[in-house]
Amino acid sequence: MPEQVSPETGPRAEGPAVSRWAGDSPLMRLVRQREFGIIAVGVVLFVLFSFASSGTFDSFQTWGGIGSSAAELGIVSVGVGFLMVSGEFDLSVGANFAFAALVMATMIHDGYPPIEGLLVDLGIGIGIGLLNGIVTVVLNIPSFIATLGTYFLWSAVVLIVTGGTTITILPPEPTLLNVLGGIIGEQMRSEILWWLGIALVVGIVLHRTVTGNWIYAIGGKRMAAREAGVAVARTRIFAFMLCGMLAAFAGAVQLAHLGSMSAGYGTAYQLEAIAASVVGGCALTGGRGSMLGIVVGTIILQMLASGLILSGVSPYWYQAVVGIIIIVAVAMHTRIGAVVRGSEG
């Protein structure tokens, strides 16, 4: 009879963790949550930037911009974080983002209905994810190497097909494109709702379904998961396909937002999405992470980008500060994990 699979520890947990905080107050139970560290970092950054920017950082207008900027990266990060929980990486999401959206832009430019362009866009993303999954799972090539190769492949295809030019579909088409990237109210764009809605749905899959249970098990203890009857190969390929589809959809959202697409768009998303996931609590070794943490990690990165500029700091410091935040967040996650396990060190 197959063993039961635990989302947090993989097949057959060794027993409940004994924590010296067990039975303590609700505050201590909150502190034990892995997301607590990054949420605390976010609160500190919000306060610091609010003071440093003389109050402009905490305005509704600023946060409307932060939300819009975070949405496209956030959609990519949802897929990348989901994949990281399974113990895999996808470095091709930036090229996927640009290639799928450029095909969609070309179709709309040539007179095809936007809905057909979107379906082709999503199909390309799923196909790229399927290719990544097959190369990784069937050929047994580490996903870091496999997807680095496909990143260069699709980046080259984009440049060959477009010649590096930007495809513009202005004025934006009504209906579908306005639904994907239109303005709601004065500052908010619909892409924010798409991002949060996708994060909610994928979060339910990750935290409340058998598939999500398998994802955690595969990332945490792959051999034990296989012995417990988990469909390891199929689940890994599914995670790659979901990641590819969301990267392509994020490209469609940016196309709807900007009314144009270029081969250079999204080129940094593969590293920023990994950074957002790591900051949000995803382990590089797999088996740990949450959708809430991934969303908060994405917001943190966009807070840094906007807060530094509004505070009068050179935007060139952005990457340095992101590096520091990653180190601090991982250290806090590690410490909180030690507390949960009852470790003294």
C-alpha atoms as a PDB file:
ATOM      1  CA  MET A   1       0.000   0.000   0.000  1.00  0.00           C
ATOM      2  CA  PRO A   2       1.514   3.403  -1.013  1.00  0.00           C
ATOM      3  CA  GLU A   3       2.755   5.568   1.810  1.00  0.00           C
ATOM      4  CA  GLN A   4       1.033   8.824   2.610  1.00  0.00           C
ATOM      5  CA  VAL A   5       2.740  11.903   1.226  1.00  0.00           C
ATOM      6  CA  SER A   6       3.178  14.968   3.398  1.00  0.00           C
ATOM      7  CA  PRO A   7       3.480  18.375   1.662  1.00  0.00           C
ATOM      8  CA  GLU A   8       6.140  19.586   4.024  1.00  0.00           C
ATOM      9  CA  THR A   9       8.330  16.560   4.547  1.00  0.00           C
ATOM     10  CA  GLY A  10       7.686  14.362   1.528  1.00  0.00           C
ATOM     11  CA  PRO A  11       6.634  10.727   1.783  1.00  0.00           C
ATOM     12  CA  ARG A  12       6.447   9.426   5.306  1.00  0.00           C
ATOM     13  CA  ALA A  13       7.207  12.206   7.747  1.00  0.00           C
ATOM     14  CA  GLU A  14       9.497  11.123  10.529  1.00  0.00           C
ATOM     15  CA  GLY A  15       7.005  12.417  13.067  1.00  0.00           C
ATOM     16  CA  PRO A  16       5.756  15.788  14.242  1.00  0.00           C
ATOM     17  CA  ALA A  17       8.413  18.417  14.789  1.00  0.00           C
ATOM     18  CA  VAL A  18       8.975  19.127  18.455  1.00  0.00           C
ATOM     19  CA  SER A  19       9.349  22.831  18.992  1.00  0.00           C
ATOM     20  CA  ARG A  20      10.220  24.615  22.163  1.00  0.00           C
ATOM     21  CA  TRP A  21       7.545  27.130  21.151  1.00  0.00           C
ATOM     22  CA  ALA A  22       4.799  24.487  20.973  1.00  0.00           C
ATOM     23  CA  GLY A  23       1.604  25.624  22.605  1.00  0.00           C
ATOM     24  CA  ASP A  24       2.782  29.206  22.947  1.00  0.00           C
ATOM     25  CA  SER A  25       0.822  32.330  22.170  1.00  0.00           C
ATOM     26  CA  PRO A  26      -0.725  33.174  18.756  1.00  0.00           C
ATOM     27  CA  LEU A  27       2.142  35.649  18.268  1.00  0.00           C
ATOM     28  CA  MET A  28       4.722  32.881  18.512  1.00  0.00           C
ATOM     29  CA  ARG A  29       2.703  30.722  16.126  1.00  0.00           C
ATOM     30  CA  LEU A  30       2.793  33.629  13.689  1.00  0.00           C
ATOM     31  CA  VAL A  31       6.557  33.980  14.086  1.00  0.00           C
ATOM     32  CA  ARG A  32       6.977  30.292  13.221  1.00  0.00           C
ATOM     33  CA  GLN A  33       5.445  30.850   9.784  1.00  0.00           C
ATOM     34  CA  ARG A  34       8.062  30.903   7.002  1.00  0.00           C
ATOM     35  CA  GLU A  35       6.457  34.003   5.441  1.00  0.00           C
ATOM     36  CA  PHE A  36       6.851  36.001   8.653  1.00  0.00           C
ATOM     37  CA  GLY A  37      10.464  36.918   7.910  1.00  0.00           C
ATOM     38  CA  ILE A  38       9.863  38.397   4.472  1.00  0.00           C
ATOM     39  CA  ILE A  39       6.666  40.163   5.555  1.00  0.00           C
ATOM     40  CA  ALA A  40       8.675  41.747   8.378  1.00  0.00           C
ATOM     41  CA  VAL A  41      11.316  42.845   5.847  1.00  0.00           C
ATOM     42  CA  GLY A  42       8.575  44.330   3.671  1.00  0.00           C
ATOM     43  CA  VAL A  43       7.108  46.313   6.565  1.00  0.00           C
ATOM     44  CA  VAL A  44      10.544  47.678   7.473  1.00  0.00           C
ATOM     45  CA  LEU A  45      11.232  48.700   3.865  1.00  0.00           C
ATOM     46  CA  PHE A  46       7.818  50.366   3.621  1.00  0.00           C
ATOM     47  CA  VAL A  47       8.489  52.468   6.722  1.00  0.00           C
ATOM     48  CA  LEU A  48      12.017  53.374   5.614  1.00  0.00           C
ATOM     49  CA  PHE A  49      10.973  54.399   2.101  1.00  0.00           C
ATOM     50  CA  SER A  50       7.960  56.343   3.415  1.00  0.00           C
ATOM     51  CA  PHE A  51      10.253  58.490   5.546  1.00  0.00           C
ATOM     52  CA  ALA A  52      13.046  58.738   2.966  1.00  0.00           C
ATOM     53  CA  SER A  53      10.656  59.819   0.195  1.00  0.00           C
ATOM     54  CA  SER A  54       8.913  62.455   2.322  1.00  0.00           C
ATOM     55  CA  GLY A  55       5.609  60.623   2.142  1.00  0.00           C
ATOM     56  CA  THR A  56       5.391  60.095  -1.625  1.00  0.00           C
ATOM     57  CA  PHE A  57       6.141  56.369  -1.395  1.00  0.00           C
ATOM     58  CA  ASP A  58       2.979  55.532   0.532  1.00  0.00           C
ATOM     59  CA  SER A  59       0.636  57.309  -1.873  1.00  0.00           C
ATOM     60  CA  PHE A  60      -2.072  55.467  -3.788  1.00  0.00           C
ATOM     61  CA  GLN A  61      -0.528  56.604  -7.075  1.00  0.00           C
ATOM     62  CA  THR A  62       2.850  55.089  -6.196  1.00  0.00           C
ATOM     63  CA  TRP A  63       1.338  51.805  -5.126  1.00  0.00           C
ATOM     64  CA  GLY A  64      -0.779  51.645  -8.267  1.00  0.00           C
ATOM     65  CA  GLY A  65       2.482  51.835 -10.213  1.00  0.00           C
ATOM     66  CA  ILE A  66       4.182  49.266  -7.978  1.00  0.00           C
ATOM     67  CA  GLY A  67       1.257  46.892  -8.436  1.00  0.00           C
ATOM     68  CA  SER A  68       1.276  47.267 -12.220  1.00  0.00           C
ATOM     69  CA  SER A  69       5.040  46.748 -12.388  1.00  0.00           C
ATOM     70  CA  ALA A  70       4.843  43.753 -10.071  1.00  0.00           C
ATOM     71  CA  ALA A  71       1.990  42.082 -11.947  1.00  0.00           C
ATOM     72  CA  GLU A  72       3.908  40.941 -15.035  1.00  0.00           C
ATOM     73  CA  LEU A  73       6.914  39.759 -13.032  1.00  0.00           C
ATOM     74  CA  GLY A  74       4.507  38.314 -10.475  1.00  0.00           C
ATOM     75  CA  ILE A  75       2.735  36.107 -13.016  1.00  0.00           C
ATOM     76  CA  VAL A  76       6.117  34.738 -14.137  1.00  0.00           C
ATOM     77  CA  SER A  77       7.180  34.284 -10.497  1.00  0.00           C
ATOM     78  CA  VAL A  78       4.078  32.222  -9.707  1.00  0.00           C
ATOM     79  CA  GLY A  79       5.127  29.663 -12.309  1.00  0.00           C
ATOM     80  CA  VAL A  80       8.822  29.792 -11.469  1.00  0.00           C
ATOM     81  CA  GLY A  81       8.136  29.456  -7.729  1.00  0.00           C
ATOM     82  CA  PHE A  82       5.755  26.528  -8.313  1.00  0.00           C
ATOM     83  CA  LEU A  83       8.482  24.829 -10.336  1.00  0.00           C
ATOM     84  CA  MET A  84      11.134  25.567  -7.712  1.00  0.00           C
ATOM     85  CA  VAL A  85       9.069  23.833  -5.044  1.00  0.00           C
ATOM     86  CA  SER A  86       9.358  20.702  -7.196  1.00  0.00           C
ATOM     87  CA  GLY A  87      13.141  21.104  -7.161  1.00  0.00           C
ATOM     88  CA  GLU A  88      13.523  22.405 -10.733  1.00  0.00           C
ATOM     89  CA  PHE A  89      14.448  25.702 -12.442  1.00  0.00           C
ATOM     90  CA  ASP A  90      13.383  27.407 -15.663  1.00  0.00           C
ATOM     91  CA  LEU A  91      15.868  29.923 -17.017  1.00  0.00           C
ATOM     92  CA  SER A  92      14.013  30.166 -20.329  1.00  0.00           C
ATOM     93  CA  VAL A  93      10.999  32.128 -19.045  1.00  0.00           C
ATOM     94  CA  GLY A  94      12.384  35.460 -20.289  1.00  0.00           C
ATOM     95  CA  ALA A  95      12.785  34.182 -23.853  1.00  0.00           C
ATOM     96  CA  ASN A  96       9.426  32.383 -23.606  1.00  0.00           C
ATOM     97  CA  PHE A  97       7.819  35.639 -22.426  1.00  0.00           C
ATOM     98  CA  ALA A  98       9.132  37.573 -25.455  1.00  0.00           C
ATOM     99  CA  PHE A  99       8.742  34.889 -28.129  1.00  0.00           C
ATOM    100  CA  ALA A 100       5.142  33.926 -27.357  1.00  0.00           C
ATOM    101  CA  ALA A 101       4.027  37.558 -27.044  1.00  0.00           C
ATOM    102  CA  LEU A 102       5.820  38.541 -30.267  1.00  0.00           C
ATOM    103  CA  VAL A 103       3.931  35.825 -32.149  1.00  0.00           C
ATOM    104  CA  MET A 104       0.692  37.131 -30.638  1.00  0.00           C
ATOM    105  CA  ALA A 105       1.601  40.715 -31.572  1.00  0.00           C
ATOM    106  CA  THR A 106       2.417  39.662 -35.138  1.00  0.00           C
ATOM    107  CA  MET A 107      -0.904  37.871 -35.498  1.00  0.00           C
ATOM    108  CA  ILE A 108      -2.884  40.866 -34.223  1.00  0.00           C
ATOM    109  CA  HIS A 109      -0.830  43.191 -36.441  1.00  0.00           C
ATOM    110  CA  ASP A 110      -1.707  41.004 -39.431  1.00  0.00           C
ATOM    111  CA  GLY A 111      -5.427  41.145 -38.660  1.00  0.00           C
ATOM    112  CA  TYR A 112      -6.087  38.003 -36.636  1.00  0.00           C
ATOM    113  CA  PRO A 113      -8.541  38.335 -33.725  1.00  0.00           C
ATOM    114  CA  PRO A 114      -6.758  38.947 -30.399  1.00  0.00           C
ATOM    115  CA  ILE A 115      -8.342  35.866 -28.836  1.00  0.00           C
ATOM    116  CA  GLU A 116      -6.698  33.669 -31.484  1.00  0.00           C
ATOM    117  CA  GLY A 117      -3.382  35.365 -30.818  1.00  0.00           C
ATOM    118  CA  LEU A 118      -3.771  34.722 -27.090  1.00  0.00           C
ATOM    119  CA  LEU A 119      -4.538  31.038 -27.628  1.00  0.00           C
ATOM    120  CA  VAL A 120      -1.449  30.669 -29.814  1.00  0.00           C
ATOM    121  CA  ASP A 121       0.568  32.571 -27.187  1.00  0.00           C
ATOM    122  CA  LEU A 122      -0.530  30.154 -24.450  1.00  0.00           C
ATOM    123  CA  GLY A 123       0.054  27.163 -26.725  1.00  0.00           C
ATOM    124  CA  ILE A 124       3.626  28.295 -27.382  1.00  0.00           C
ATOM    125  CA  GLY A 125       4.251  28.714 -23.652  1.00  0.00           C
ATOM    126  CA  ILE A 126       2.885  25.240 -22.890  1.00  0.00           C
ATOM    127  CA  GLY A 127       4.945  23.790 -25.732  1.00  0.00           C
ATOM    128  CA  ILE A 128       8.164  25.389 -24.493  1.00  0.00           C
ATOM    129  CA  GLY A 129       7.418  24.124 -20.990  1.00  0.00           C
ATOM    130  CA  LEU A 130       6.756  20.638 -22.368  1.00  0.00           C
ATOM    131  CA  LEU A 131      10.065  20.710 -24.238  1.00  0.00           C
ATOM    132  CA  ASN A 132      11.896  21.808 -21.091  1.00  0.00           C
ATOM    133  CA  GLY A 133      10.215  19.040 -19.111  1.00  0.00           C
ATOM    134  CA  ILE A 134      11.037  16.324 -21.650  1.00  0.00           C
ATOM    135  CA  VAL A 135      14.675  17.394 -21.957  1.00  0.00           C
ATOM    136  CA  THR A 136      15.017  17.502 -18.170  1.00  0.00           C
ATOM    137  CA  VAL A 137      13.041  14.387 -17.235  1.00  0.00           C
ATOM    138  CA  VAL A 138      13.516  12.035 -20.180  1.00  0.00           C
ATOM    139  CA  LEU A 139      17.113  12.915 -21.046  1.00  0.00           C
ATOM    140  CA  ASN A 140      17.965  13.356 -17.349  1.00  0.00           C
ATOM    141  CA  ILE A 141      19.670  16.717 -17.897  1.00  0.00           C
ATOM    142  CA  PRO A 142      19.680  19.117 -14.926  1.00  0.00           C
ATOM    143  CA  SER A 143      16.942  21.700 -15.456  1.00  0.00           C
ATOM    144  CA  PHE A 144      19.394  24.552 -14.873  1.00  0.00           C
ATOM    145  CA  ILE A 145      21.406  23.427 -17.920  1.00  0.00           C
ATOM    146  CA  ALA A 146      18.441  22.319 -20.035  1.00  0.00           C
ATOM    147  CA  THR A 147      16.537  25.584 -19.661  1.00  0.00           C
ATOM    148  CA  LEU A 148      19.672  27.686 -20.071  1.00  0.00           C
ATOM    149  CA  GLY A 149      20.052  25.999 -23.446  1.00  0.00           C
ATOM    150  CA  THR A 150      16.430  26.609 -24.434  1.00  0.00           C
ATOM    151  CA  TYR A 151      16.761  30.234 -23.264  1.00  0.00           C
ATOM    152  CA  PHE A 152      19.538  30.818 -25.806  1.00  0.00           C
ATOM    153  CA  LEU A 153      17.577  28.866 -28.442  1.00  0.00           C
ATOM    154  CA  TRP A 154      14.384  30.902 -28.190  1.00  0.00           C
ATOM    155  CA  SER A 155      16.240  34.185 -27.741  1.00  0.00           C
ATOM    156  CA  ALA A 156      18.008  33.498 -31.025  1.00  0.00           C
ATOM    157  CA  VAL A 157      14.740  32.538 -32.750  1.00  0.00           C
ATOM    158  CA  VAL A 158      13.156  35.821 -31.649  1.00  0.00           C
ATOM    159  CA  LEU A 159      16.058  37.858 -33.008  1.00  0.00           C
ATOM    160  CA  ILE A 160      16.149  35.919 -36.282  1.00  0.00           C
ATOM    161  CA  VAL A 161      12.415  36.274 -36.892  1.00  0.00           C
ATOM    162  CA  THR A 162      12.046  39.933 -35.886  1.00  0.00           C
ATOM    163  CA  GLY A 163      15.515  41.253 -36.664  1.00  0.00           C
ATOM    164  CA  GLY A 164      15.432  42.911 -33.255  1.00  0.00           C
ATOM    165  CA  THR A 165      12.618  45.264 -34.222  1.00  0.00           C
ATOM    166  CA  THR A 166       9.649  46.198 -32.043  1.00  0.00           C
ATOM    167  CA  ILE A 167       6.178  45.136 -33.179  1.00  0.00           C
ATOM    168  CA  THR A 168       3.531  47.723 -32.339  1.00  0.00           C
ATOM    169  CA  ILE A 169      -0.233  47.213 -32.335  1.00  0.00           C
ATOM    170  CA  LEU A 170      -1.220  50.739 -31.269  1.00  0.00           C
ATOM    171  CA  PRO A 171      -3.860  51.864 -30.775  1.00  0.00           C
ATOM    172  CA  PRO A 172      -4.559  48.875 -28.532  1.00  0.00           C
ATOM    173  CA  GLU A 173      -7.323  46.575 -29.691  1.00  0.00           C
ATOM    174  CA  PRO A 174     -10.547  46.756 -27.662  1.00  0.00           C
ATOM    175  CA  THR A 175     -12.083  43.896 -25.680  1.00  0.00           C
ATOM    176  CA  LEU A 176      -9.409  41.253 -25.020  1.00  0.00           C
ATOM    177  CA  LEU A 177      -6.395  43.545 -24.814  1.00  0.00           C
ATOM    178  CA  ASN A 178      -8.253  45.993 -22.613  1.00  0.00           C
ATOM    179  CA  VAL A 179      -9.321  43.094 -20.398  1.00  0.00           C
ATOM    180  CA  LEU A 180      -5.703  41.935 -20.053  1.00  0.00           C
ATOM    181  CA  GLY A 181      -4.071  45.301 -19.471  1.00  0.00           C
ATOM    182  CA  GLY A 182      -6.759  47.960 -19.189  1.00  0.00           C
ATOM    183  CA  ILE A 183      -7.047  50.583 -16.467  1.00  0.00           C
ATOM    184  CA  ILE A 184      -9.460  50.021 -13.595  1.00  0.00           C
ATOM    185  CA  GLY A 185     -10.325  53.208 -11.761  1.00  0.00           C
ATOM    186  CA  GLU A 186      -7.635  55.898 -11.682  1.00  0.00           C
ATOM    187  CA  GLN A 187      -4.402  53.975 -11.090  1.00  0.00           C
ATOM    188  CA  MET A 188      -4.980  50.219 -10.991  1.00  0.00           C
ATOM    189  CA  ARG A 189      -4.624  48.034 -14.074  1.00  0.00           C
ATOM    190  CA  SER A 190      -6.474  44.797 -14.659  1.00  0.00           C
ATOM    191  CA  GLU A 191      -3.153  42.929 -14.819  1.00  0.00           C
ATOM    192  CA  ILE A 192      -2.974  43.218 -11.019  1.00  0.00           C
ATOM    193  CA  LEU A 193      -6.220  41.280 -10.724  1.00  0.00           C
ATOM    194  CA  TRP A 194      -4.953  38.682 -13.190  1.00  0.00           C
ATOM    195  CA  TRP A 195      -1.776  38.243 -11.145  1.00  0.00           C
ATOM    196  CA  LEU A 196      -3.548  37.871  -7.808  1.00  0.00           C
ATOM    197  CA  GLY A 197      -6.225  35.627  -9.295  1.00  0.00           C
ATOM    198  CA  ILE A 198      -3.631  33.335 -10.869  1.00  0.00           C
ATOM    199  CA  ALA A 199      -1.648  33.271  -7.619  1.00  0.00           C
ATOM    200  CA  LEU A 200      -4.813  32.290  -5.740  1.00  0.00           C
ATOM    201  CA  VAL A 201      -5.693  29.458  -8.134  1.00  0.00           C
ATOM    202  CA  VAL A 202      -2.140  28.098  -8.325  1.00  0.00           C
ATOM    203  CA  GLY A 203      -1.864  28.482  -4.558  1.00  0.00           C
ATOM    204  CA  ILE A 204      -4.951  26.328  -4.086  1.00  0.00           C
ATOM    205  CA  VAL A 205      -3.438  23.700  -6.397  1.00  0.00           C
ATOM    206  CA  LEU A 206      -0.135  23.832  -4.508  1.00  0.00           C
ATOM    207  CA  HIS A 207      -1.504  23.819  -0.973  1.00  0.00           C
ATOM    208  CA  ARG A 208      -4.857  22.049  -1.192  1.00  0.00           C
ATOM    209  CA  THR A 209      -4.643  19.311  -3.833  1.00  0.00           C
ATOM    210  CA  VAL A 210      -2.961  15.966  -4.354  1.00  0.00           C
ATOM    211  CA  THR A 211      -0.926  17.483  -7.203  1.00  0.00           C
ATOM    212  CA  GLY A 212       0.462  20.108  -4.862  1.00  0.00           C
ATOM    213  CA  ASN A 213       1.168  17.401  -2.307  1.00  0.00           C
ATOM    214  CA  TRP A 214       3.175  15.554  -4.960  1.00  0.00           C
ATOM    215  CA  ILE A 215       5.038  18.747  -5.924  1.00  0.00           C
ATOM    216  CA  TYR A 216       6.271  19.189  -2.350  1.00  0.00           C
ATOM    217  CA  ALA A 217       7.162  15.519  -2.078  1.00  0.00           C
ATOM    218  CA  ILE A 218       9.118  15.489  -5.343  1.00  0.00           C
ATOM    219  CA  GLY A 219      11.051  18.592  -4.340  1.00  0.00           C
ATOM    220  CA  GLY A 220      11.752  17.354  -0.825  1.00  0.00           C
ATOM    221  CA  LYS A 221      12.419  13.611  -1.153  1.00  0.00           C
ATOM    222  CA  ARG A 222      12.191  12.539  -4.795  1.00  0.00           C
ATOM    223  CA  MET A 223      13.318   8.938  -4.389  1.00  0.00           C
ATOM    224  CA  ALA A 224      10.976   8.386  -1.459  1.00  0.00           C
ATOM    225  CA  ALA A 225       8.145   9.977  -3.445  1.00  0.00           C
ATOM    226  CA  ARG A 226       8.741   7.582  -6.328  1.00  0.00           C
ATOM    227  CA  GLU A 227       8.751   4.614  -3.964  1.00  0.00           C
ATOM    228  CA  ALA A 228       5.493   5.873  -2.441  1.00  0.00           C
ATOM    229  CA  GLY A 229       3.783   5.713  -5.830  1.00  0.00           C
ATOM    230  CA  VAL A 230       3.949   9.401  -6.811  1.00  0.00           C
ATOM    231  CA  ALA A 231       3.876   9.998 -10.594  1.00  0.00           C
ATOM    232  CA  VAL A 232       7.198  11.826 -10.453  1.00  0.00           C
ATOM    233  CA  ALA A 233       7.972  12.223 -14.163  1.00  0.00           C
ATOM    234  CA  ARG A 234       4.454  13.316 -15.107  1.00  0.00           C
ATOM    235  CA  THR A 235       4.211  15.780 -12.229  1.00  0.00           C
ATOM    236  CA  ARG A 236       7.596  17.344 -13.018  1.00  0.00           C
ATOM    237  CA  ILE A 237       6.613  17.816 -16.664  1.00  0.00           C
ATOM    238  CA  PHE A 238       3.284  19.345 -15.577  1.00  0.00           C
ATOM    239  CA  ALA A 239       5.170  21.870 -13.420  1.00  0.00           C
ATOM    240  CA  PHE A 240       7.334  22.862 -16.416  1.00  0.00           C
ATOM    241  CA  MET A 241       4.254  23.255 -18.621  1.00  0.00           C
ATOM    242  CA  LEU A 242       2.489  25.437 -16.053  1.00  0.00           C
ATOM    243  CA  CYS A 243       5.589  27.592 -15.686  1.00  0.00           C
ATOM    244  CA  GLY A 244       5.868  27.978 -19.474  1.00  0.00           C
ATOM    245  CA  MET A 245       2.197  28.851 -19.882  1.00  0.00           C
ATOM    246  CA  LEU A 246       2.336  31.546 -17.186  1.00  0.00           C
ATOM    247  CA  ALA A 247       5.489  33.084 -18.702  1.00  0.00           C
ATOM    248  CA  ALA A 248       3.728  33.304 -22.073  1.00  0.00           C
ATOM    249  CA  PHE A 249       0.582  34.741 -20.488  1.00  0.00           C
ATOM    250  CA  ALA A 250       2.671  37.401 -18.715  1.00  0.00           C
ATOM    251  CA  GLY A 251       4.041  38.378 -22.132  1.00  0.00           C
ATOM    252  CA  ALA A 252       0.491  38.734 -23.449  1.00  0.00           C
ATOM    253  CA  VAL A 253      -0.383  40.933 -20.474  1.00  0.00           C
ATOM    254  CA  GLN A 254       2.595  43.197 -21.132  1.00  0.00           C
ATOM    255  CA  LEU A 255       1.646  43.379 -24.811  1.00  0.00           C
ATOM    256  CA  ALA A 256      -1.843  44.479 -23.796  1.00  0.00           C
ATOM    257  CA  HIS A 257      -0.381  47.023 -21.391  1.00  0.00           C
ATOM    258  CA  LEU A 258       2.217  48.590 -23.707  1.00  0.00           C
ATOM    259  CA  GLY A 259       0.658  47.946 -27.107  1.00  0.00           C
ATOM    260  CA  SER A 260       4.027  46.707 -28.376  1.00  0.00           C
ATOM    261  CA  MET A 261       6.488  43.880 -27.921  1.00  0.00           C
ATOM    262  CA  SER A 262      10.225  43.640 -28.483  1.00  0.00           C
ATOM    263  CA  ALA A 263      12.799  40.875 -28.262  1.00  0.00           C
ATOM    264  CA  GLY A 264      14.392  42.723 -25.353  1.00  0.00           C
ATOM    265  CA  TYR A 265      11.319  42.643 -23.122  1.00  0.00           C
ATOM    266  CA  GLY A 266      11.413  40.269 -20.179  1.00  0.00           C
ATOM    267  CA  THR A 267      15.098  39.424 -20.555  1.00  0.00           C
ATOM    268  CA  ALA A 268      15.775  39.787 -16.812  1.00  0.00           C
ATOM    269  CA  TYR A 269      12.638  38.022 -15.638  1.00  0.00           C
ATOM    270  CA  GLN A 270      14.225  34.594 -15.254  1.00  0.00           C
ATOM    271  CA  LEU A 271      16.608  35.860 -12.569  1.00  0.00           C
ATOM    272  CA  GLU A 272      14.164  38.291 -10.982  1.00  0.00           C
ATOM    273  CA  ALA A 273      11.491  35.580 -10.743  1.00  0.00           C
ATOM    274  CA  ILE A 274      13.957  33.243  -9.030  1.00  0.00           C
ATOM    275  CA  ALA A 275      14.998  36.095  -6.722  1.00  0.00           C
ATOM    276  CA  ALA A 276      11.351  36.865  -5.848  1.00  0.00           C
ATOM    277  CA  SER A 277      10.713  33.180  -5.107  1.00  0.00           C
ATOM    278  CA  VAL A 278      13.836  32.816  -2.964  1.00  0.00           C
ATOM    279  CA  VAL A 279      13.084  36.013  -1.068  1.00  0.00           C
ATOM    280  CA  GLY A 280       9.550  34.685  -0.566  1.00  0.00           C
ATOM    281  CA  GLY A 281      10.812  31.505   1.061  1.00  0.00           C
ATOM    282  CA  CYS A 282      11.254  28.960  -1.742  1.00  0.00           C
ATOM    283  CA  ALA A 283      14.227  26.691  -1.120  1.00  0.00           C
ATOM    284  CA  LEU A 284      16.712  26.347  -3.984  1.00  0.00           C
ATOM    285  CA  THR A 285      16.840  22.634  -3.210  1.00  0.00           C
ATOM    286  CA  GLY A 286      13.058  22.259  -3.548  1.00  0.00           C
ATOM    287  CA  GLY A 287      10.390  21.008  -1.179  1.00  0.00           C
ATOM    288  CA  ARG A 288       9.664  24.334   0.525  1.00  0.00           C
ATOM    289  CA  GLY A 289       7.816  27.484  -0.429  1.00  0.00           C
ATOM    290  CA  SER A 290       4.355  29.048  -0.478  1.00  0.00           C
ATOM    291  CA  MET A 291       2.355  31.118  -2.918  1.00  0.00           C
ATOM    292  CA  LEU A 292       1.886  33.878  -0.328  1.00  0.00           C
ATOM    293  CA  GLY A 293       5.640  34.118   0.082  1.00  0.00           C
ATOM    294  CA  ILE A 294       6.176  34.289  -3.692  1.00  0.00           C
ATOM    295  CA  VAL A 295       3.651  37.129  -4.021  1.00  0.00           C
ATOM    296  CA  VAL A 296       5.203  39.052  -1.125  1.00  0.00           C
ATOM    297  CA  GLY A 297       8.695  38.465  -2.524  1.00  0.00           C
ATOM    298  CA  THR A 298       7.640  39.965  -5.863  1.00  0.00           C
ATOM    299  CA  ILE A 299       6.168  43.008  -4.130  1.00  0.00           C
ATOM    300  CA  ILE A 300       9.403  43.443  -2.174  1.00  0.00           C
ATOM    301  CA  LEU A 301      11.449  43.636  -5.388  1.00  0.00           C
ATOM    302  CA  GLN A 302       9.132  46.251  -6.878  1.00  0.00           C
ATOM    303  CA  MET A 303       9.099  48.195  -3.613  1.00  0.00           C
ATOM    304  CA  LEU A 304      12.886  48.376  -3.853  1.00  0.00           C
ATOM    305  CA  ALA A 305      12.839  49.553  -7.467  1.00  0.00           C
ATOM    306  CA  SER A 306      10.327  52.346  -6.778  1.00  0.00           C
ATOM    307  CA  GLY A 307      11.467  53.212  -3.262  1.00  0.00           C
ATOM    308  CA  LEU A 308      15.091  53.788  -4.215  1.00  0.00           C
ATOM    309  CA  ILE A 309      14.117  56.176  -7.004  1.00  0.00           C
ATOM    310  CA  LEU A 310      11.606  58.109  -4.879  1.00  0.00           C
ATOM    311  CA  SER A 311      14.186  58.344  -2.078  1.00  0.00           C
ATOM    312  CA  GLY A 312      16.706  59.959  -4.414  1.00  0.00           C
ATOM    313  CA  VAL A 313      19.010  56.943  -4.519  1.00  0.00           C
ATOM    314  CA  SER A 314      20.565  55.937  -7.832  1.00  0.00           C
ATOM    315  CA  PRO A 315      18.632  53.038  -9.413  1.00  0.00           C
ATOM    316  CA  TYR A 316      22.003  51.382 -10.022  1.00  0.00           C
ATOM    317  CA  TRP A 317      21.892  50.340  -6.372  1.00  0.00           C
ATOM    318  CA  TYR A 318      18.836  48.165  -7.050  1.00  0.00           C
ATOM    319  CA  GLN A 319      20.727  44.957  -7.807  1.00  0.00           C
ATOM    320  CA  ALA A 320      23.039  45.400  -4.830  1.00  0.00           C
ATOM    321  CA  VAL A 321      20.125  45.908  -2.452  1.00  0.00           C
ATOM    322  CA  VAL A 322      18.268  42.917  -3.943  1.00  0.00           C
ATOM    323  CA  GLY A 323      21.344  40.800  -3.249  1.00  0.00           C
ATOM    324  CA  ILE A 324      21.404  41.925   0.374  1.00  0.00           C
ATOM    325  CA  ILE A 325      17.662  41.324   0.773  1.00  0.00           C
ATOM    326  CA  ILE A 326      18.038  37.797  -0.623  1.00  0.00           C
ATOM    327  CA  ILE A 327      20.775  37.005   1.912  1.00  0.00           C
ATOM    328  CA  VAL A 328      18.800  38.511   4.816  1.00  0.00           C
ATOM    329  CA  ALA A 329      15.564  36.784   3.812  1.00  0.00           C
ATOM    330  CA  VAL A 330      17.207  33.379   3.406  1.00  0.00           C
ATOM    331  CA  ALA A 331      18.938  33.802   6.771  1.00  0.00           C
ATOM    332  CA  MET A 332      15.610  34.637   8.422  1.00  0.00           C
ATOM    333  CA  HIS A 333      13.871  31.691   6.743  1.00  0.00           C
ATOM    334  CA  THR A 334      16.671  29.394   7.907  1.00  0.00           C
ATOM    335  CA  ARG A 335      16.462  30.668  11.465  1.00  0.00           C
ATOM    336  CA  ILE A 336      12.686  30.337  11.575  1.00  0.00           C
ATOM    337  CA  GLY A 337      13.003  26.807  10.214  1.00  0.00           C
ATOM    338  CA  ALA A 338      15.459  26.014  13.012  1.00  0.00           C
ATOM    339  CA  VAL A 339      13.004  27.374  15.578  1.00  0.00           C
ATOM    340  CA  VAL A 340      10.236  25.186  14.170  1.00  0.00           C
ATOM    341  CA  ARG A 341      12.479  22.129  14.450  1.00  0.00           C
ATOM    342  CA  GLY A 342      13.370  23.054  18.015  1.00  0.00           C
ATOM    343  CA  SER A 343      16.998  23.688  17.115  1.00  0.00           C
ATOM    344  CA  GLU A 344      19.170  25.592  19.494  1.00  0.00           C
ATOM    345  CA  GLY A 345      21.566  26.848  16.789  1.00  0.00           C
END
